[in-house]
Amino acid sequence: GMGIEDDHDYNINADDCACAIATSLHAEKLVFLTDI
């Protein structure tokens, strides 16, 4: 993603990213593929 204050690139935790997008879209399902 891009920083609000400095326009710099930032690495985002992929779980956080998925949750933010699912919330924005009001998704019916959010699925995490994990190693457990």
PDB file of all heavy atoms in Angstrom:
ATOM      1  N   GLY A   1       0.819  -1.199   0.000  1.00  0.00           N
ATOM      2  CA  GLY A   1       0.000   0.000   0.000  1.00  0.00           C
ATOM      3  C   GLY A   1       0.851   1.246   0.000  1.00  0.00           C
ATOM      4  O   GLY A   1       2.089   1.182   0.040  1.00  0.00           O
ATOM      5  N   MET A   2       0.196   2.395  -0.025  1.00  0.00           N
ATOM      6  CA  MET A   2       0.900   3.675  -0.053  1.00  0.00           C
ATOM      7  C   MET A   2       0.561   4.470   1.199  1.00  0.00           C
ATOM      8  O   MET A   2      -0.600   4.510   1.623  1.00  0.00           O
ATOM      9  CB  MET A   2       0.512   4.458  -1.305  1.00  0.00           C
ATOM     10  CG  MET A   2       1.315   5.736  -1.504  1.00  0.00           C
ATOM     11  SD  MET A   2       0.975   6.497  -3.113  1.00  0.00           S
ATOM     12  CE  MET A   2       1.793   5.328  -4.192  1.00  0.00           C
ATOM     13  N   GLY A   3       1.577   5.088   1.786  1.00  0.00           N
ATOM     14  CA  GLY A   3       1.391   5.839   3.012  1.00  0.00           C
ATOM     15  C   GLY A   3       0.549   7.083   2.808  1.00  0.00           C
ATOM     16  O   GLY A   3       0.708   7.800   1.815  1.00  0.00           O
ATOM     17  N   ILE A   4      -0.335   7.352   3.758  1.00  0.00           N
ATOM     18  CA  ILE A   4      -1.177   8.550   3.691  1.00  0.00           C
ATOM     19  C   ILE A   4      -0.337   9.807   3.863  1.00  0.00           C
ATOM     20  O   ILE A   4      -0.525  10.803   3.171  1.00  0.00           O
ATOM     21  CB  ILE A   4      -2.272   8.487   4.777  1.00  0.00           C
ATOM     22  CG1 ILE A   4      -3.300   7.402   4.446  1.00  0.00           C
ATOM     23  CG2 ILE A   4      -2.966   9.832   4.927  1.00  0.00           C
ATOM     24  CD1 ILE A   4      -4.372   7.226   5.494  1.00  0.00           C
ATOM     25  N   GLU A   5       0.621   9.765   4.785  1.00  0.00           N
ATOM     26  CA  GLU A   5       1.370  10.960   5.141  1.00  0.00           C
ATOM     27  C   GLU A   5       2.582  11.201   4.244  1.00  0.00           C
ATOM     28  O   GLU A   5       2.954  12.350   4.002  1.00  0.00           O
ATOM     29  CB  GLU A   5       1.815  10.874   6.605  1.00  0.00           C
ATOM     30  CG  GLU A   5       0.645  10.832   7.591  1.00  0.00           C
ATOM     31  CD  GLU A   5       1.105  10.728   9.033  1.00  0.00           C
ATOM     32  OE1 GLU A   5       2.335  10.583   9.244  1.00  0.00           O
ATOM     33  OE2 GLU A   5       0.257  10.801   9.930  1.00  0.00           O
ATOM     34  N   ASP A   6       3.210  10.112   3.743  1.00  0.00           N
ATOM     35  CA  ASP A   6       4.467  10.299   3.019  1.00  0.00           C
ATOM     36  C   ASP A   6       4.458   9.743   1.592  1.00  0.00           C
ATOM     37  O   ASP A   6       5.454   9.850   0.875  1.00  0.00           O
ATOM     38  CB  ASP A   6       5.622   9.648   3.794  1.00  0.00           C
ATOM     39  CG  ASP A   6       5.382   8.160   4.061  1.00  0.00           C
ATOM     40  OD1 ASP A   6       4.394   7.600   3.531  1.00  0.00           O
ATOM     41  OD2 ASP A   6       6.191   7.555   4.791  1.00  0.00           O
ATOM     42  N   ASP A   7       3.351   9.145   1.158  1.00  0.00           N
ATOM     43  CA  ASP A   7       3.250   8.551  -0.188  1.00  0.00           C
ATOM     44  C   ASP A   7       4.326   7.490  -0.451  1.00  0.00           C
ATOM     45  O   ASP A   7       4.611   7.158  -1.603  1.00  0.00           O
ATOM     46  CB  ASP A   7       3.332   9.629  -1.276  1.00  0.00           C
ATOM     47  CG  ASP A   7       2.080  10.491  -1.319  1.00  0.00           C
ATOM     48  OD1 ASP A   7       1.004   9.977  -0.944  1.00  0.00           O
ATOM     49  OD2 ASP A   7       2.173  11.664  -1.714  1.00  0.00           O
ATOM     50  N   HIS A   8       4.905   6.945   0.610  1.00  0.00           N
ATOM     51  CA  HIS A   8       5.911   5.892   0.469  1.00  0.00           C
ATOM     52  C   HIS A   8       5.214   4.545   0.360  1.00  0.00           C
ATOM     53  O   HIS A   8       4.093   4.366   0.837  1.00  0.00           O
ATOM     54  CB  HIS A   8       6.852   5.900   1.681  1.00  0.00           C
ATOM     55  CG  HIS A   8       8.135   5.179   1.466  1.00  0.00           C
ATOM     56  ND1 HIS A   8       8.230   3.804   1.435  1.00  0.00           N
ATOM     57  CD2 HIS A   8       9.403   5.639   1.260  1.00  0.00           C
ATOM     58  CE1 HIS A   8       9.496   3.453   1.233  1.00  0.00           C
ATOM     59  NE2 HIS A   8      10.226   4.542   1.119  1.00  0.00           N
ATOM     60  N   ASP A   9       5.871   3.580  -0.283  1.00  0.00           N
ATOM     61  CA  ASP A   9       5.337   2.215  -0.340  1.00  0.00           C
ATOM     62  C   ASP A   9       5.493   1.544   1.020  1.00  0.00           C
ATOM     63  O   ASP A   9       6.504   1.755   1.715  1.00  0.00           O
ATOM     64  CB  ASP A   9       6.084   1.388  -1.387  1.00  0.00           C
ATOM     65  CG  ASP A   9       5.829   1.881  -2.800  1.00  0.00           C
ATOM     66  OD1 ASP A   9       5.019   2.808  -2.970  1.00  0.00           O
ATOM     67  OD2 ASP A   9       6.449   1.343  -3.734  1.00  0.00           O
ATOM     68  N   TYR A  10       4.504   0.722   1.367  1.00  0.00           N
ATOM     69  CA  TYR A  10       4.542  -0.023   2.626  1.00  0.00           C
ATOM     70  C   TYR A  10       4.124  -1.469   2.386  1.00  0.00           C
ATOM     71  O   TYR A  10       3.191  -1.731   1.616  1.00  0.00           O
ATOM     72  CB  TYR A  10       3.587   0.594   3.659  1.00  0.00           C
ATOM     73  CG  TYR A  10       4.105   1.840   4.334  1.00  0.00           C
ATOM     74  CD1 TYR A  10       4.041   3.076   3.709  1.00  0.00           C
ATOM     75  CD2 TYR A  10       4.663   1.778   5.612  1.00  0.00           C
ATOM     76  CE1 TYR A  10       4.517   4.226   4.319  1.00  0.00           C
ATOM     77  CE2 TYR A  10       5.132   2.921   6.240  1.00  0.00           C
ATOM     78  CZ  TYR A  10       5.058   4.136   5.581  1.00  0.00           C
ATOM     79  OH  TYR A  10       5.540   5.266   6.197  1.00  0.00           O
ATOM     80  N   ASN A  11       4.797  -2.371   3.064  1.00  0.00           N
ATOM     81  CA  ASN A  11       4.394  -3.771   3.078  1.00  0.00           C
ATOM     82  C   ASN A  11       3.228  -3.928   4.060  1.00  0.00           C
ATOM     83  O   ASN A  11       3.248  -3.334   5.138  1.00  0.00           O
ATOM     84  CB  ASN A  11       5.585  -4.635   3.514  1.00  0.00           C
ATOM     85  CG  ASN A  11       5.373  -6.114   3.250  1.00  0.00           C
ATOM     86  OD1 ASN A  11       4.471  -6.496   2.519  1.00  0.00           O
ATOM     87  ND2 ASN A  11       6.194  -6.954   3.849  1.00  0.00           N
ATOM     88  N   ILE A  12       2.230  -4.702   3.684  1.00  0.00           N
ATOM     89  CA  ILE A  12       1.065  -4.912   4.544  1.00  0.00           C
ATOM     90  C   ILE A  12       0.940  -6.401   4.846  1.00  0.00           C
ATOM     91  O   ILE A  12       1.138  -7.236   3.956  1.00  0.00           O
ATOM     92  CB  ILE A  12      -0.234  -4.438   3.865  1.00  0.00           C
ATOM     93  CG1 ILE A  12      -0.093  -3.010   3.345  1.00  0.00           C
ATOM     94  CG2 ILE A  12      -1.412  -4.535   4.818  1.00  0.00           C
ATOM     95  CD1 ILE A  12      -1.265  -2.574   2.459  1.00  0.00           C
ATOM     96  N   ASN A  13       0.606  -6.729   6.069  1.00  0.00           N
ATOM     97  CA  ASN A  13       0.295  -8.118   6.394  1.00  0.00           C
ATOM     98  C   ASN A  13      -0.867  -8.570   5.507  1.00  0.00           C
ATOM     99  O   ASN A  13      -1.897  -7.896   5.422  1.00  0.00           O
ATOM    100  CB  ASN A  13      -0.078  -8.234   7.871  1.00  0.00           C
ATOM    101  CG  ASN A  13      -0.480  -9.632   8.269  1.00  0.00           C
ATOM    102  OD1 ASN A  13      -1.625 -10.029   8.077  1.00  0.00           O
ATOM    103  ND2 ASN A  13       0.440 -10.384   8.816  1.00  0.00           N
ATOM    104  N   ALA A  14      -0.694  -9.712   4.814  1.00  0.00           N
ATOM    105  CA  ALA A  14      -1.699 -10.149   3.838  1.00  0.00           C
ATOM    106  C   ALA A  14      -3.048 -10.437   4.483  1.00  0.00           C
ATOM    107  O   ALA A  14      -4.102 -10.214   3.856  1.00  0.00           O
ATOM    108  CB  ALA A  14      -1.189 -11.376   3.088  1.00  0.00           C
ATOM    109  N   ASP A  15      -3.059 -10.917   5.726  1.00  0.00           N
ATOM    110  CA  ASP A  15      -4.328 -11.146   6.427  1.00  0.00           C
ATOM    111  C   ASP A  15      -5.063  -9.824   6.634  1.00  0.00           C
ATOM    112  O   ASP A  15      -6.283  -9.728   6.433  1.00  0.00           O
ATOM    113  CB  ASP A  15      -4.082 -11.814   7.786  1.00  0.00           C
ATOM    114  CG  ASP A  15      -3.717 -13.275   7.670  1.00  0.00           C
ATOM    115  OD1 ASP A  15      -3.675 -13.798   6.536  1.00  0.00           O
ATOM    116  OD2 ASP A  15      -3.469 -13.899   8.720  1.00  0.00           O
ATOM    117  N   ASP A  16      -4.312  -8.790   7.071  1.00  0.00           N
ATOM    118  CA  ASP A  16      -4.913  -7.473   7.271  1.00  0.00           C
ATOM    119  C   ASP A  16      -5.475  -6.936   5.958  1.00  0.00           C
ATOM    120  O   ASP A  16      -6.562  -6.344   5.917  1.00  0.00           O
ATOM    121  CB  ASP A  16      -3.870  -6.491   7.813  1.00  0.00           C
ATOM    122  CG  ASP A  16      -3.378  -6.846   9.202  1.00  0.00           C
ATOM    123  OD1 ASP A  16      -4.006  -7.711   9.847  1.00  0.00           O
ATOM    124  OD2 ASP A  16      -2.376  -6.261   9.643  1.00  0.00           O
ATOM    125  N   CYS A  17      -4.710  -7.142   4.887  1.00  0.00           N
ATOM    126  CA  CYS A  17      -5.121  -6.684   3.562  1.00  0.00           C
ATOM    127  C   CYS A  17      -6.428  -7.360   3.140  1.00  0.00           C
ATOM    128  O   CYS A  17      -7.371  -6.700   2.672  1.00  0.00           O
ATOM    129  CB  CYS A  17      -4.004  -6.987   2.567  1.00  0.00           C
ATOM    130  SG  CYS A  17      -4.348  -6.510   0.868  1.00  0.00           S
ATOM    131  N   ALA A  18      -6.504  -8.671   3.316  1.00  0.00           N
ATOM    132  CA  ALA A  18      -7.700  -9.425   2.935  1.00  0.00           C
ATOM    133  C   ALA A  18      -8.918  -8.971   3.742  1.00  0.00           C
ATOM    134  O   ALA A  18     -10.027  -8.826   3.196  1.00  0.00           O
ATOM    135  CB  ALA A  18      -7.471 -10.923   3.131  1.00  0.00           C
ATOM    136  N   CYS A  19      -8.727  -8.735   5.029  1.00  0.00           N
ATOM    137  CA  CYS A  19      -9.838  -8.297   5.882  1.00  0.00           C
ATOM    138  C   CYS A  19     -10.338  -6.919   5.466  1.00  0.00           C
ATOM    139  O   CYS A  19     -11.547  -6.674   5.435  1.00  0.00           O
ATOM    140  CB  CYS A  19      -9.401  -8.276   7.346  1.00  0.00           C
ATOM    141  SG  CYS A  19      -9.258  -9.911   8.088  1.00  0.00           S
ATOM    142  N   ALA A  20      -9.394  -6.022   5.149  1.00  0.00           N
ATOM    143  CA  ALA A  20      -9.786  -4.666   4.744  1.00  0.00           C
ATOM    144  C   ALA A  20     -10.595  -4.696   3.458  1.00  0.00           C
ATOM    145  O   ALA A  20     -11.608  -3.991   3.322  1.00  0.00           O
ATOM    146  CB  ALA A  20      -8.538  -3.798   4.580  1.00  0.00           C
ATOM    147  N   ILE A  21     -10.170  -5.510   2.506  1.00  0.00           N
ATOM    148  CA  ILE A  21     -10.879  -5.600   1.224  1.00  0.00           C
ATOM    149  C   ILE A  21     -12.234  -6.277   1.401  1.00  0.00           C
ATOM    150  O   ILE A  21     -13.247  -5.851   0.838  1.00  0.00           O
ATOM    151  CB  ILE A  21     -10.015  -6.337   0.195  1.00  0.00           C
ATOM    152  CG1 ILE A  21      -8.814  -5.462  -0.175  1.00  0.00           C
ATOM    153  CG2 ILE A  21     -10.817  -6.693  -1.052  1.00  0.00           C
ATOM    154  CD1 ILE A  21      -7.779  -6.160  -1.022  1.00  0.00           C
ATOM    155  N   ALA A  22     -12.268  -7.354   2.204  1.00  0.00           N
ATOM    156  CA  ALA A  22     -13.538  -8.043   2.461  1.00  0.00           C
ATOM    157  C   ALA A  22     -14.541  -7.105   3.119  1.00  0.00           C
ATOM    158  O   ALA A  22     -15.730  -7.099   2.779  1.00  0.00           O
ATOM    159  CB  ALA A  22     -13.300  -9.269   3.339  1.00  0.00           C
ATOM    160  N   THR A  23     -14.063  -6.293   4.050  1.00  0.00           N
ATOM    161  CA  THR A  23     -14.929  -5.333   4.736  1.00  0.00           C
ATOM    162  C   THR A  23     -15.443  -4.282   3.767  1.00  0.00           C
ATOM    163  O   THR A  23     -16.634  -3.942   3.752  1.00  0.00           O
ATOM    164  CB  THR A  23     -14.168  -4.655   5.885  1.00  0.00           C
ATOM    165  OG1 THR A  23     -13.778  -5.645   6.853  1.00  0.00           O
ATOM    166  CG2 THR A  23     -15.027  -3.609   6.570  1.00  0.00           C
ATOM    167  N   SER A  24     -14.554  -3.769   2.924  1.00  0.00           N
ATOM    168  CA  SER A  24     -14.925  -2.735   1.965  1.00  0.00           C
ATOM    169  C   SER A  24     -15.984  -3.226   0.984  1.00  0.00           C
ATOM    170  O   SER A  24     -16.883  -2.476   0.595  1.00  0.00           O
ATOM    171  CB  SER A  24     -13.685  -2.261   1.204  1.00  0.00           C
ATOM    172  OG  SER A  24     -14.006  -1.295   0.243  1.00  0.00           O
ATOM    173  N   LEU A  25     -15.886  -4.499   0.596  1.00  0.00           N
ATOM    174  CA  LEU A  25     -16.813  -5.077  -0.386  1.00  0.00           C
ATOM    175  C   LEU A  25     -18.037  -5.724   0.259  1.00  0.00           C
ATOM    176  O   LEU A  25     -18.912  -6.218  -0.447  1.00  0.00           O
ATOM    177  CB  LEU A  25     -16.086  -6.128  -1.234  1.00  0.00           C
ATOM    178  CG  LEU A  25     -14.978  -5.612  -2.156  1.00  0.00           C
ATOM    179  CD1 LEU A  25     -14.192  -6.784  -2.749  1.00  0.00           C
ATOM    180  CD2 LEU A  25     -15.560  -4.750  -3.271  1.00  0.00           C
ATOM    181  N   HIS A  26     -18.079  -5.762   1.612  1.00  0.00           N
ATOM    182  CA  HIS A  26     -19.152  -6.468   2.334  1.00  0.00           C
ATOM    183  C   HIS A  26     -19.285  -7.896   1.788  1.00  0.00           C
ATOM    184  O   HIS A  26     -20.372  -8.347   1.419  1.00  0.00           O
ATOM    185  CB  HIS A  26     -20.477  -5.724   2.218  1.00  0.00           C
ATOM    186  CG  HIS A  26     -20.444  -4.347   2.800  1.00  0.00           C
ATOM    187  ND1 HIS A  26     -20.385  -4.115   4.159  1.00  0.00           N
ATOM    188  CD2 HIS A  26     -20.427  -3.122   2.207  1.00  0.00           C
ATOM    189  CE1 HIS A  26     -20.352  -2.817   4.384  1.00  0.00           C
ATOM    190  NE2 HIS A  26     -20.365  -2.182   3.223  1.00  0.00           N
ATOM    191  N   ALA A  27     -18.160  -8.579   1.742  1.00  0.00           N
ATOM    192  CA  ALA A  27     -18.089  -9.908   1.132  1.00  0.00           C
ATOM    193  C   ALA A  27     -18.970 -10.905   1.874  1.00  0.00           C
ATOM    194  O   ALA A  27     -19.143 -10.837   3.094  1.00  0.00           O
ATOM    195  CB  ALA A  27     -16.645 -10.403   1.119  1.00  0.00           C
ATOM    196  N   GLU A  28     -19.499 -11.851   1.117  1.00  0.00           N
ATOM    197  CA  GLU A  28     -20.275 -12.934   1.708  1.00  0.00           C
ATOM    198  C   GLU A  28     -19.369 -13.901   2.451  1.00  0.00           C
ATOM    199  O   GLU A  28     -19.734 -14.421   3.504  1.00  0.00           O
ATOM    200  CB  GLU A  28     -21.047 -13.677   0.619  1.00  0.00           C
ATOM    201  CG  GLU A  28     -21.913 -14.816   1.132  1.00  0.00           C
ATOM    202  CD  GLU A  28     -23.103 -14.337   1.948  1.00  0.00           C
ATOM    203  OE1 GLU A  28     -23.519 -13.177   1.769  1.00  0.00           O
ATOM    204  OE2 GLU A  28     -23.610 -15.138   2.755  1.00  0.00           O
ATOM    205  N   LYS A  29     -18.184 -14.141   1.902  1.00  0.00           N
ATOM    206  CA  LYS A  29     -17.238 -15.070   2.519  1.00  0.00           C
ATOM    207  C   LYS A  29     -15.828 -14.491   2.462  1.00  0.00           C
ATOM    208  O   LYS A  29     -15.430 -13.877   1.467  1.00  0.00           O
ATOM    209  CB  LYS A  29     -17.213 -16.418   1.787  1.00  0.00           C
ATOM    210  CG  LYS A  29     -18.432 -17.312   1.963  1.00  0.00           C
ATOM    211  CD  LYS A  29     -18.312 -18.549   1.078  1.00  0.00           C
ATOM    212  CE  LYS A  29     -19.484 -19.506   1.238  1.00  0.00           C
ATOM    213  NZ  LYS A  29     -19.373 -20.320   2.441  1.00  0.00           N
ATOM    214  N   LEU A  30     -15.081 -14.724   3.530  1.00  0.00           N
ATOM    215  CA  LEU A  30     -13.646 -14.449   3.577  1.00  0.00           C
ATOM    216  C   LEU A  30     -12.977 -15.751   3.968  1.00  0.00           C
ATOM    217  O   LEU A  30     -13.302 -16.341   5.002  1.00  0.00           O
ATOM    218  CB  LEU A  30     -13.333 -13.354   4.596  1.00  0.00           C
ATOM    219  CG  LEU A  30     -11.860 -13.140   4.970  1.00  0.00           C
ATOM    220  CD1 LEU A  30     -11.017 -12.782   3.755  1.00  0.00           C
ATOM    221  CD2 LEU A  30     -11.740 -12.058   6.042  1.00  0.00           C
ATOM    222  N   VAL A  31     -12.063 -16.226   3.122  1.00  0.00           N
ATOM    223  CA  VAL A  31     -11.444 -17.536   3.327  1.00  0.00           C
ATOM    224  C   VAL A  31      -9.941 -17.367   3.507  1.00  0.00           C
ATOM    225  O   VAL A  31      -9.278 -16.729   2.679  1.00  0.00           O
ATOM    226  CB  VAL A  31     -11.698 -18.470   2.124  1.00  0.00           C
ATOM    227  CG1 VAL A  31     -11.137 -19.854   2.406  1.00  0.00           C
ATOM    228  CG2 VAL A  31     -13.173 -18.536   1.799  1.00  0.00           C
ATOM    229  N   PHE A  32      -9.413 -17.947   4.582  1.00  0.00           N
ATOM    230  CA  PHE A  32      -7.973 -17.960   4.808  1.00  0.00           C
ATOM    231  C   PHE A  32      -7.433 -19.357   4.497  1.00  0.00           C
ATOM    232  O   PHE A  32      -7.831 -20.332   5.137  1.00  0.00           O
ATOM    233  CB  PHE A  32      -7.639 -17.622   6.263  1.00  0.00           C
ATOM    234  CG  PHE A  32      -7.925 -16.195   6.653  1.00  0.00           C
ATOM    235  CD1 PHE A  32      -9.124 -15.863   7.264  1.00  0.00           C
ATOM    236  CD2 PHE A  32      -7.014 -15.191   6.397  1.00  0.00           C
ATOM    237  CE1 PHE A  32      -9.402 -14.557   7.626  1.00  0.00           C
ATOM    238  CE2 PHE A  32      -7.277 -13.883   6.755  1.00  0.00           C
ATOM    239  CZ  PHE A  32      -8.475 -13.559   7.369  1.00  0.00           C
ATOM    240  N   LEU A  33      -6.542 -19.459   3.522  1.00  0.00           N
ATOM    241  CA  LEU A  33      -5.840 -20.714   3.272  1.00  0.00           C
ATOM    242  C   LEU A  33      -4.557 -20.684   4.098  1.00  0.00           C
ATOM    243  O   LEU A  33      -3.691 -19.834   3.883  1.00  0.00           O
ATOM    244  CB  LEU A  33      -5.523 -20.871   1.787  1.00  0.00           C
ATOM    245  CG  LEU A  33      -6.716 -20.922   0.838  1.00  0.00           C
ATOM    246  CD1 LEU A  33      -6.254 -21.225  -0.577  1.00  0.00           C
ATOM    247  CD2 LEU A  33      -7.738 -21.955   1.286  1.00  0.00           C
ATOM    248  N   THR A  34      -4.426 -21.626   5.033  1.00  0.00           N
ATOM    249  CA  THR A  34      -3.322 -21.607   5.994  1.00  0.00           C
ATOM    250  C   THR A  34      -2.598 -22.958   5.989  1.00  0.00           C
ATOM    251  O   THR A  34      -2.888 -23.831   5.171  1.00  0.00           O
ATOM    252  CB  THR A  34      -3.866 -21.340   7.412  1.00  0.00           C
ATOM    253  OG1 THR A  34      -4.626 -22.485   7.861  1.00  0.00           O
ATOM    254  CG2 THR A  34      -4.765 -20.119   7.428  1.00  0.00           C
ATOM    255  N   ASP A  35      -1.676 -23.100   6.924  1.00  0.00           N
ATOM    256  CA  ASP A  35      -0.952 -24.362   7.088  1.00  0.00           C
ATOM    257  C   ASP A  35      -1.471 -25.162   8.280  1.00  0.00           C
ATOM    258  O   ASP A  35      -0.769 -26.025   8.816  1.00  0.00           O
ATOM    259  CB  ASP A  35       0.545 -24.095   7.260  1.00  0.00           C
ATOM    260  CG  ASP A  35       1.215 -23.729   5.948  1.00  0.00           C
ATOM    261  OD1 ASP A  35       0.601 -23.919   4.893  1.00  0.00           O
ATOM    262  OD2 ASP A  35       2.361 -23.236   5.981  1.00  0.00           O
ATOM    263  N   ILE A  36      -2.672 -24.861   8.719  1.00  0.00           N
ATOM    264  CA  ILE A  36      -3.293 -25.620   9.807  1.00  0.00           C
ATOM    265  C   ILE A  36      -4.716 -25.996   9.385  1.00  0.00           C
ATOM    266  O   ILE A  36      -5.288 -25.399   8.478  1.00  0.00           O
ATOM    267  CB  ILE A  36      -3.334 -24.828  11.129  1.00  0.00           C
ATOM    268  CG1 ILE A  36      -4.057 -23.492  10.926  1.00  0.00           C
ATOM    269  CG2 ILE A  36      -1.942 -24.604  11.673  1.00  0.00           C
ATOM    270  CD1 ILE A  36      -4.254 -22.726  12.211  1.00  0.00           C
TER     271      ILE A  36
END
